[in-house]
Amino acid sequence: MTDYTYPSVYFAYFFFFIVFSGAAFFFFKTYKQGYFGKDSEEAKHRMLDDEMGGDYGRKQK
């Protein structure tokens, strides 16, 4: 009888490392480009303005 515990555990940790690395990479890439700042939803509002016209969803100053 063969014990498959170690290969499955190593595979699980390797898979978790790959998923975490990808998430961390894209998080830091978007954070560096400023997607989490005060103007983070500007692209969405610009798209909605083009489609619906007007001042869609923006707070009035």
C-alpha atoms as a PDB file:
ATOM      1  CA  MET A   1       0.000   0.000   0.000  1.00  0.00           C
ATOM      2  CA  THR A   2       1.315   3.428  -0.958  1.00  0.00           C
ATOM      3  CA  ASP A   3       0.889   6.562   1.094  1.00  0.00           C
ATOM      4  CA  TYR A   4      -0.291   9.439  -1.128  1.00  0.00           C
ATOM      5  CA  THR A   5      -0.513  11.982   1.681  1.00  0.00           C
ATOM      6  CA  TYR A   6       2.716  13.832   0.934  1.00  0.00           C
ATOM      7  CA  PRO A   7       2.200  14.286  -2.827  1.00  0.00           C
ATOM      8  CA  SER A   8      -1.321  15.606  -2.326  1.00  0.00           C
ATOM      9  CA  VAL A   9      -0.218  17.994   0.435  1.00  0.00           C
ATOM     10  CA  TYR A  10       2.697  19.276  -1.643  1.00  0.00           C
ATOM     11  CA  PHE A  11       0.391  19.739  -4.621  1.00  0.00           C
ATOM     12  CA  ALA A  12      -2.121  21.646  -2.480  1.00  0.00           C
ATOM     13  CA  TYR A  13       0.542  23.984  -1.096  1.00  0.00           C
ATOM     14  CA  PHE A  14       1.976  24.504  -4.574  1.00  0.00           C
ATOM     15  CA  PHE A  15      -1.495  25.296  -5.922  1.00  0.00           C
ATOM     16  CA  PHE A  16      -2.177  27.750  -3.054  1.00  0.00           C
ATOM     17  CA  PHE A  17       1.177  29.416  -3.726  1.00  0.00           C
ATOM     18  CA  ILE A  18       0.373  29.814  -7.450  1.00  0.00           C
ATOM     19  CA  VAL A  19      -3.093  31.270  -6.739  1.00  0.00           C
ATOM     20  CA  PHE A  20      -1.772  33.615  -4.037  1.00  0.00           C
ATOM     21  CA  SER A  21       1.111  34.751  -6.256  1.00  0.00           C
ATOM     22  CA  GLY A  22      -1.264  35.623  -9.082  1.00  0.00           C
ATOM     23  CA  ALA A  23      -3.617  37.506  -6.773  1.00  0.00           C
ATOM     24  CA  ALA A  24      -0.752  39.404  -5.136  1.00  0.00           C
ATOM     25  CA  PHE A  25       0.772  40.260  -8.525  1.00  0.00           C
ATOM     26  CA  PHE A  26      -2.430  41.750  -9.896  1.00  0.00           C
ATOM     27  CA  PHE A  27      -3.220  43.503  -6.606  1.00  0.00           C
ATOM     28  CA  PHE A  28       0.144  45.277  -6.501  1.00  0.00           C
ATOM     29  CA  LYS A  29      -0.004  46.025 -10.220  1.00  0.00           C
ATOM     30  CA  THR A  30      -3.407  47.712  -9.912  1.00  0.00           C
ATOM     31  CA  TYR A  31      -2.447  49.414  -6.633  1.00  0.00           C
ATOM     32  CA  LYS A  32       0.627  50.935  -8.292  1.00  0.00           C
ATOM     33  CA  GLN A  33      -1.492  52.249 -11.176  1.00  0.00           C
ATOM     34  CA  GLY A  34      -3.870  54.018  -8.779  1.00  0.00           C
ATOM     35  CA  TYR A  35      -7.050  51.961  -9.031  1.00  0.00           C
ATOM     36  CA  PHE A  36      -7.711  52.303  -5.305  1.00  0.00           C
ATOM     37  CA  GLY A  37      -7.576  56.098  -5.095  1.00  0.00           C
ATOM     38  CA  LYS A  38     -10.314  58.700  -4.941  1.00  0.00           C
ATOM     39  CA  ASP A  39     -10.771  58.574  -8.745  1.00  0.00           C
ATOM     40  CA  SER A  40     -10.916  54.780  -8.918  1.00  0.00           C
ATOM     41  CA  GLU A  41     -14.431  54.660 -10.393  1.00  0.00           C
ATOM     42  CA  GLU A  42     -13.902  57.459 -12.880  1.00  0.00           C
ATOM     43  CA  ALA A  43     -13.717  55.021 -15.799  1.00  0.00           C
ATOM     44  CA  LYS A  44     -17.107  53.545 -14.856  1.00  0.00           C
ATOM     45  CA  HIS A  45     -18.730  56.961 -14.656  1.00  0.00           C
ATOM     46  CA  ARG A  46     -17.173  58.003 -17.956  1.00  0.00           C
ATOM     47  CA  MET A  47     -18.567  54.858 -19.617  1.00  0.00           C
ATOM     48  CA  LEU A  48     -22.036  55.438 -18.144  1.00  0.00           C
ATOM     49  CA  ASP A  49     -21.949  59.092 -19.232  1.00  0.00           C
ATOM     50  CA  ASP A  50     -21.218  57.985 -22.800  1.00  0.00           C
ATOM     51  CA  GLU A  51     -24.027  55.418 -22.810  1.00  0.00           C
ATOM     52  CA  MET A  52     -26.759  57.276 -20.912  1.00  0.00           C
ATOM     53  CA  GLY A  53     -25.703  60.863 -21.232  1.00  0.00           C
ATOM     54  CA  GLY A  54     -25.611  63.342 -18.413  1.00  0.00           C
ATOM     55  CA  ASP A  55     -23.903  63.238 -15.060  1.00  0.00           C
ATOM     56  CA  TYR A  56     -24.622  59.675 -14.047  1.00  0.00           C
ATOM     57  CA  GLY A  57     -23.879  58.657 -10.472  1.00  0.00           C
ATOM     58  CA  ARG A  58     -21.458  61.380  -9.517  1.00  0.00           C
ATOM     59  CA  LYS A  59     -21.718  63.350  -6.336  1.00  0.00           C
ATOM     60  CA  GLN A  60     -22.462  67.003  -6.835  1.00  0.00           C
ATOM     61  CA  LYS A  61     -19.822  69.310  -5.376  1.00  0.00           C
END
